[in-house]
Protein backbone atom coordinates (compact mmCIF):
# COMPACT_ATOMS: atom_id res chain seq x y z
CA UNK A 1 44.79 68.63 109.77
CA UNK A 2 41.31 67.38 109.79
CA UNK A 3 40.43 65.11 112.74
CA UNK A 4 38.52 62.50 113.51
CA UNK A 5 36.96 59.99 116.67
CA UNK A 6 38.73 57.18 117.70
CA UNK A 7 35.82 55.36 119.64
CA UNK A 8 32.99 56.38 122.30
CA UNK A 9 35.56 57.46 125.19
CA UNK A 10 36.77 60.98 123.79
CA UNK A 11 39.93 60.22 122.12
CA UNK A 12 40.56 62.84 119.22
CA UNK A 13 43.14 62.15 116.46
CA UNK A 14 44.14 63.96 113.81
CA UNK A 15 42.47 61.85 109.81
CA UNK A 16 46.41 60.45 109.28
CA UNK A 17 48.48 59.80 112.06
CA UNK A 18 52.74 59.02 111.68
CA UNK A 19 53.75 54.63 112.04
CA UNK A 20 57.13 55.02 113.69
CA UNK A 21 58.51 51.58 113.25
CA UNK A 22 60.11 52.05 110.21
CA UNK A 23 62.20 54.18 112.25
CA UNK A 24 63.56 50.96 114.02
CA UNK A 25 65.43 49.98 110.48
CA UNK A 26 62.36 48.19 109.62
CA UNK A 27 62.26 48.98 105.54
CA UNK A 28 65.87 49.68 106.24
CA UNK A 29 68.62 51.59 107.41
CA UNK A 30 68.02 54.61 109.15
CA UNK A 31 69.67 56.70 111.33
CA UNK A 32 68.37 58.23 114.94
CA UNK A 33 68.93 62.05 114.34
CA UNK A 34 67.39 62.00 111.27
CA UNK A 35 64.43 60.19 112.46
CA UNK A 36 63.80 61.99 115.25
CA UNK A 37 63.34 65.93 113.10
CA UNK A 38 60.91 63.60 111.16
CA UNK A 39 58.88 62.89 114.15
CA UNK A 40 59.70 66.87 115.32
CA UNK A 41 57.84 67.69 111.89
CA UNK A 42 55.80 65.63 111.89
CA UNK A 43 54.18 66.91 115.19
CA UNK A 44 55.07 70.32 113.70
CA UNK A 45 52.01 69.84 110.42
CA UNK A 46 49.65 67.89 112.79
CA UNK A 47 49.86 64.91 112.36
CA UNK A 48 50.80 64.05 116.36
CA UNK A 49 49.48 60.42 116.44
CA UNK A 50 52.50 58.75 117.27
CA UNK A 51 52.47 54.42 117.09
CA UNK A 52 55.10 52.91 117.98
CA UNK A 53 55.14 48.90 120.49
CA UNK A 54 58.54 47.72 122.57
CA UNK A 55 58.89 45.06 119.88
CA UNK A 56 59.70 47.39 117.58
CA UNK A 57 63.67 47.09 117.18
CA UNK A 58 63.33 45.20 120.23
CA UNK A 59 62.43 48.54 122.73
CA UNK A 60 64.80 50.68 120.26
CA UNK A 61 61.58 52.23 118.82
CA UNK A 62 60.00 53.82 122.07
CA UNK A 63 63.34 55.02 123.25
CA UNK A 64 64.10 57.33 119.55
CA UNK A 65 59.88 58.28 119.97
CA UNK A 66 60.24 59.23 123.45
CA UNK A 67 63.39 61.80 122.37
CA UNK A 68 61.55 62.92 119.68
CA UNK A 69 58.65 63.85 122.78
CA UNK A 70 61.01 65.17 125.31
CA UNK A 71 59.29 69.06 126.07
CA UNK A 72 56.44 67.53 123.45
CA UNK A 73 54.49 65.28 125.28
CA UNK A 74 51.67 67.44 125.66
CA UNK A 75 51.65 68.33 121.98
CA UNK A 76 51.04 65.26 120.94
CA UNK A 77 48.74 61.68 120.88
CA UNK A 78 50.86 58.98 121.62
CA UNK A 79 50.41 54.81 121.26
CA UNK A 80 52.18 52.19 122.45
CA UNK A 81 51.91 47.56 122.12
CA UNK A 82 53.01 45.28 124.42
CA UNK A 83 52.12 41.41 124.30
CA UNK A 84 54.67 40.55 120.72
CA UNK A 85 58.09 39.41 123.01
CA UNK A 86 61.41 39.26 120.89
CA UNK A 87 64.24 37.92 122.11
CA UNK A 88 68.15 39.55 122.68
CA UNK A 89 68.37 39.27 119.59
CA UNK A 90 64.86 40.40 118.03
CA UNK A 91 63.97 36.45 118.07
CA UNK A 92 60.30 36.37 117.61
CA UNK A 93 59.31 35.13 120.66
CA UNK A 94 55.50 34.45 120.32
CA UNK A 95 52.93 36.59 122.17
CA UNK A 96 52.50 37.37 125.91
CA UNK A 97 48.99 37.82 127.17
CA UNK A 98 49.66 36.96 130.92
CA UNK A 99 48.31 39.64 133.81
CA UNK A 100 51.59 40.34 134.56
CA UNK A 101 53.72 40.32 131.45
CA UNK A 102 50.30 43.25 130.50
CA UNK A 103 52.03 45.05 133.73
CA UNK A 104 55.91 44.63 133.12
CA UNK A 105 55.71 46.10 129.84
CA UNK A 106 53.21 48.45 130.74
CA UNK A 107 56.28 50.21 133.15
CA UNK A 108 58.48 49.33 130.98
CA UNK A 109 57.32 51.02 128.23
CA UNK A 110 56.83 54.08 130.34
CA UNK A 111 60.71 54.05 131.43
CA UNK A 112 61.76 54.33 127.83
CA UNK A 113 58.63 56.95 126.44
CA UNK A 114 60.12 59.12 128.97
CA UNK A 115 56.16 59.98 130.10
CA UNK A 116 53.95 58.98 132.78
CA UNK A 117 51.37 58.31 130.73
CA UNK A 118 50.14 56.24 127.07
CA UNK A 119 46.47 57.43 125.56
CA UNK A 120 45.92 54.61 123.58
CA UNK A 121 47.71 51.01 124.69
CA UNK A 122 46.73 48.20 122.46
CA UNK A 123 47.42 44.76 122.82
CA UNK A 124 49.65 43.73 119.96
CA UNK A 125 48.61 40.43 119.16
CA UNK A 126 46.14 37.75 121.19
CA UNK A 127 48.36 35.23 123.63
CA UNK A 128 45.60 32.56 122.55
CA UNK A 129 47.04 30.86 126.17
CA UNK A 130 45.24 33.80 128.53
CA UNK A 131 41.80 33.85 128.80
CA UNK A 132 41.01 37.69 127.04
CA UNK A 133 39.35 38.88 130.16
CA UNK A 134 42.51 37.76 132.44
CA UNK A 135 44.63 40.38 129.64
CA UNK A 136 41.70 43.04 129.06
CA UNK A 137 41.40 43.03 133.92
CA UNK A 138 45.30 44.59 133.48
CA UNK A 139 44.66 46.85 130.74
CA UNK A 140 41.95 47.89 132.75
CA UNK A 141 44.84 48.09 135.72
CA UNK A 142 46.04 50.00 134.79
CA UNK A 143 44.00 52.93 133.79
CA UNK A 144 42.97 53.15 136.77
CA UNK A 145 46.09 53.88 138.06
CA UNK A 146 46.41 56.34 135.84
CA UNK A 147 48.98 54.63 133.53
CA UNK A 148 46.87 54.49 130.15
CA UNK A 149 44.40 56.73 129.18
CA UNK A 150 41.77 54.70 125.82
CA UNK A 151 43.13 51.11 125.73
CA UNK A 152 43.11 49.12 121.85
CA UNK A 153 44.27 45.54 119.75
CA UNK A 154 45.75 44.81 116.38
CA UNK A 155 44.80 42.19 114.29
CA UNK A 156 42.35 40.49 117.01
CA UNK A 157 38.95 38.38 115.81
CA UNK A 158 35.46 39.70 116.40
CA UNK A 159 35.07 37.43 119.88
CA UNK A 160 37.91 38.19 121.36
CA UNK A 161 37.34 41.72 120.31
CA UNK A 162 33.61 42.12 121.57
CA UNK A 163 35.03 39.89 124.70
CA UNK A 164 37.84 41.87 125.97
CA UNK A 165 35.57 44.81 125.19
CA UNK A 166 32.76 43.22 127.85
CA UNK A 167 35.53 43.40 130.24
CA UNK A 168 37.65 47.32 130.00
CA UNK A 169 35.94 48.80 126.87
CA UNK A 170 38.24 49.36 124.08
CA UNK A 171 39.13 52.66 121.82
CA UNK A 172 40.32 51.54 118.26
CA UNK A 173 41.17 47.68 117.45
CA UNK A 174 44.83 48.44 114.65
CA UNK A 175 44.91 45.95 111.72
CA UNK A 176 46.26 46.23 108.09
CA UNK A 177 43.99 47.57 105.98
CA UNK A 178 44.89 49.00 102.63
CA UNK A 179 43.59 48.45 99.05
CA UNK A 180 45.63 45.29 98.82
CA UNK A 181 44.42 44.21 101.84
CA UNK A 182 40.71 43.96 102.75
CA UNK A 183 39.75 41.37 104.80
CA UNK A 184 38.21 43.72 107.64
CA UNK A 185 35.75 44.90 105.18
CA UNK A 186 33.74 41.14 106.02
CA UNK A 187 33.43 40.96 109.73
CA UNK A 188 36.05 43.09 111.60
CA UNK A 189 35.01 46.38 110.40
CA UNK A 190 30.71 46.31 111.08
CA UNK A 191 32.50 44.53 114.78
CA UNK A 192 34.26 48.05 115.60
CA UNK A 193 31.16 49.59 114.22
CA UNK A 194 28.42 47.73 115.90
CA UNK A 195 30.91 48.07 119.64
CA UNK A 196 31.85 52.08 119.32
CA UNK A 197 35.15 50.87 118.29
CA UNK A 198 37.38 53.12 115.57
CA UNK A 199 39.71 51.67 113.37
CA UNK A 200 43.53 52.63 112.67
CA UNK A 201 44.84 50.82 109.54
CA UNK A 202 48.46 50.41 109.42
CA UNK A 203 50.46 49.42 106.20
CA UNK A 204 48.10 51.64 104.20
CA UNK A 205 50.23 51.95 101.46
CA UNK A 206 51.05 48.25 101.26
CA UNK A 207 54.33 48.53 103.09
CA UNK A 208 55.05 50.74 99.98
CA UNK A 209 53.68 48.80 96.98
CA UNK A 210 50.52 51.54 96.49
CA UNK A 211 52.88 54.58 96.26
CA UNK A 212 54.27 52.97 93.01
CA UNK A 213 57.49 52.81 93.04
CA UNK A 214 57.80 49.05 94.03
CA UNK A 215 57.65 47.32 90.47
CA UNK A 216 60.71 44.50 91.91
CA UNK A 217 62.26 43.17 94.66
CA UNK A 218 65.49 44.77 93.06
CA UNK A 219 63.57 47.99 94.56
CA UNK A 220 64.00 48.03 97.71
CA UNK A 221 66.59 47.98 99.56
CA UNK A 222 68.82 44.48 100.48
CA UNK A 223 68.80 42.83 103.81
CA UNK A 224 64.78 44.25 105.15
CA UNK A 225 62.54 42.07 106.29
CA UNK A 226 59.92 42.29 102.92
CA UNK A 227 62.40 40.72 100.83
CA UNK A 228 60.58 37.83 103.55
CA UNK A 229 56.97 39.16 102.65
CA UNK A 230 55.29 36.81 99.85
CA UNK A 231 53.63 39.54 98.23
CA UNK A 232 57.06 40.54 97.28
CA UNK A 233 58.44 37.25 96.14
CA UNK A 234 59.44 38.04 92.69
CA UNK A 235 57.04 36.30 91.03
CA UNK A 236 53.81 38.11 92.75
CA UNK A 237 55.36 40.97 92.79
CA UNK A 238 55.24 41.07 89.20
CA UNK A 239 51.62 40.22 89.18
CA UNK A 240 50.61 43.03 91.43
CA UNK A 241 52.50 45.98 89.54
CA UNK A 242 49.70 45.04 87.35
CA UNK A 243 46.87 46.33 90.06
CA UNK A 244 49.03 49.77 89.89
CA UNK A 245 47.79 51.43 86.78
CA UNK A 246 43.88 52.02 88.06
CA UNK A 247 45.38 54.09 90.77
CA UNK A 248 48.06 55.44 88.80
CA UNK A 249 45.07 56.65 86.59
CA UNK A 250 43.10 57.53 89.60
CA UNK A 251 45.71 59.51 90.45
CA UNK A 252 46.38 61.83 87.74
CA UNK A 253 42.30 62.50 87.50
CA UNK A 254 42.78 64.14 90.81
CA UNK A 255 46.12 65.83 90.75
CA UNK A 256 47.37 64.10 93.55
CA UNK A 257 49.66 61.09 93.87
CA UNK A 258 49.44 57.03 94.15
CA UNK A 259 49.87 57.38 97.60
CA UNK A 260 47.94 59.93 98.12
CA UNK A 261 44.43 58.31 96.37
CA UNK A 262 45.23 54.85 98.45
CA UNK A 263 45.50 56.90 101.67
CA UNK A 264 42.07 58.86 100.51
CA UNK A 265 40.54 55.92 100.23
CA UNK A 266 41.49 53.79 103.13
CA UNK A 267 39.46 57.59 104.17
CA UNK A 268 36.37 57.30 102.35
CA UNK A 269 36.14 54.53 104.29
CA UNK A 270 34.22 55.87 106.78
CA UNK A 271 35.56 59.08 109.24
CA UNK A 272 36.34 56.19 112.13
CA UNK A 273 39.04 54.82 109.74
CA UNK A 274 42.54 56.46 110.45
CA UNK A 275 45.59 55.32 108.71
CA UNK A 276 48.99 56.00 109.64
CA UNK A 277 51.61 55.17 106.97
CA UNK A 278 55.07 55.08 108.08
CA UNK A 279 57.84 56.76 106.48
CA UNK A 280 61.33 57.76 106.81
CA UNK A 281 61.31 61.65 105.14
CA UNK A 282 60.14 64.34 106.48
CA UNK A 283 58.97 64.84 102.13
CA UNK A 284 56.90 61.86 102.28
CA UNK A 285 54.96 63.23 105.95
CA UNK A 286 53.67 66.31 104.24
CA UNK A 287 52.41 64.04 101.23
CA UNK A 288 50.81 62.01 103.14
CA UNK A 289 48.72 64.23 104.92
CA UNK A 290 48.09 66.44 101.55
CA UNK A 291 45.62 63.11 101.60
CA UNK A 292 42.98 64.06 104.27
CA UNK A 293 42.17 66.99 101.24
CA UNK A 294 42.02 64.43 98.54
CA UNK A 295 38.51 64.25 97.61
CA UNK A 296 37.15 60.50 95.58
CA UNK A 297 34.63 60.72 93.81
CA UNK A 298 32.33 57.47 94.72
CA UNK A 299 33.06 55.94 91.15
CA UNK A 300 36.31 56.93 90.73
CA UNK A 301 36.60 54.93 94.48
CA UNK A 302 34.81 51.70 92.28
CA UNK A 303 37.02 51.45 90.00
CA UNK A 304 39.71 51.17 92.30
CA UNK A 305 37.46 48.46 94.54
CA UNK A 306 36.91 46.82 91.12
CA UNK A 307 40.29 46.26 90.70
CA UNK A 308 42.07 45.56 93.80
CA UNK A 309 39.01 43.10 95.27
CA UNK A 310 39.53 41.61 97.90
CA UNK A 311 41.77 38.90 97.03
CA UNK A 312 44.11 40.09 94.20
CA UNK A 313 46.55 40.38 95.18
CA UNK A 314 48.81 38.10 95.19
CA UNK A 315 50.47 36.11 97.85
CA UNK A 316 50.12 36.62 101.62
CA UNK A 317 49.98 39.76 103.44
CA UNK A 318 53.20 38.66 105.57
CA UNK A 319 54.73 35.07 105.83
CA UNK A 320 53.27 32.13 106.99
CA UNK A 321 55.28 31.86 109.98
CA UNK A 322 53.74 35.97 111.51
CA UNK A 323 49.63 34.71 110.70
CA UNK A 324 49.05 32.29 112.59
CA UNK A 325 47.97 34.17 115.93
CA UNK A 326 46.03 36.90 113.86
CA UNK A 327 42.33 36.83 113.70
CA UNK A 328 42.08 35.10 117.41
């Protein structure tokens, strides 16, 4: 596995990471024993950047990851998040960036994960009611206490990133980025590069759409959360399917899968971009990892970008109610 540097503070990670959210039933049912086996396989092949959050499965995901890395902590780069609150029933309760919540959340995550330190600790969503300087003052104290090694942010706006970075240097910004979600290219990526902040791309396969296996809502698991996402509504998915033609054509040219081409395109955006695709299957971990060996020509990238131009995708990337504090 190739490696890349995130930020300027010395964190080196695999070029392809592993998003663990799907192991807590976000995209259909999962079995813990099978999920642990998938994480073990990812570590075995060098995909050892594990990304979780206290919000995934309302704590379940951290507990699951903790079980999987028991006895193997030294082999992984462990990332988690705070500040995207859930009720006991999983209901979304908004963002919480209060310093006392930051400290308490970290302690709870350390217990669930069964570790002494989190390698990369992100603010999951910006809390507009709390000055970002206060939130990252608390993150700085966690780093000074040895509970966290590096600081990160998720889905933050450029000015907020600058303000947080002035208090505690940010190692990585994690936001949605893929061929069909290119909003980051206008302002966020240039800001990160100016400040020396790495970029971690979640949902790099468009929540599975860019694997070219989803052609209608019937291809999704009943009751899973993608049914709530506008891009997967019947009228939008019917329009979005047409975007896949160029992806499949390029995949044929380079003898790769559409998912591998989508990941290879992201890797071509710069050596500071690290995708973290999620999956519940070891075979998909292997497929995603091999994307690091796929080389796309400038002409192929240009064709992909011409079709997947910013704003072309039908439907918003999240339900409207979840977009409120993104980009703040």
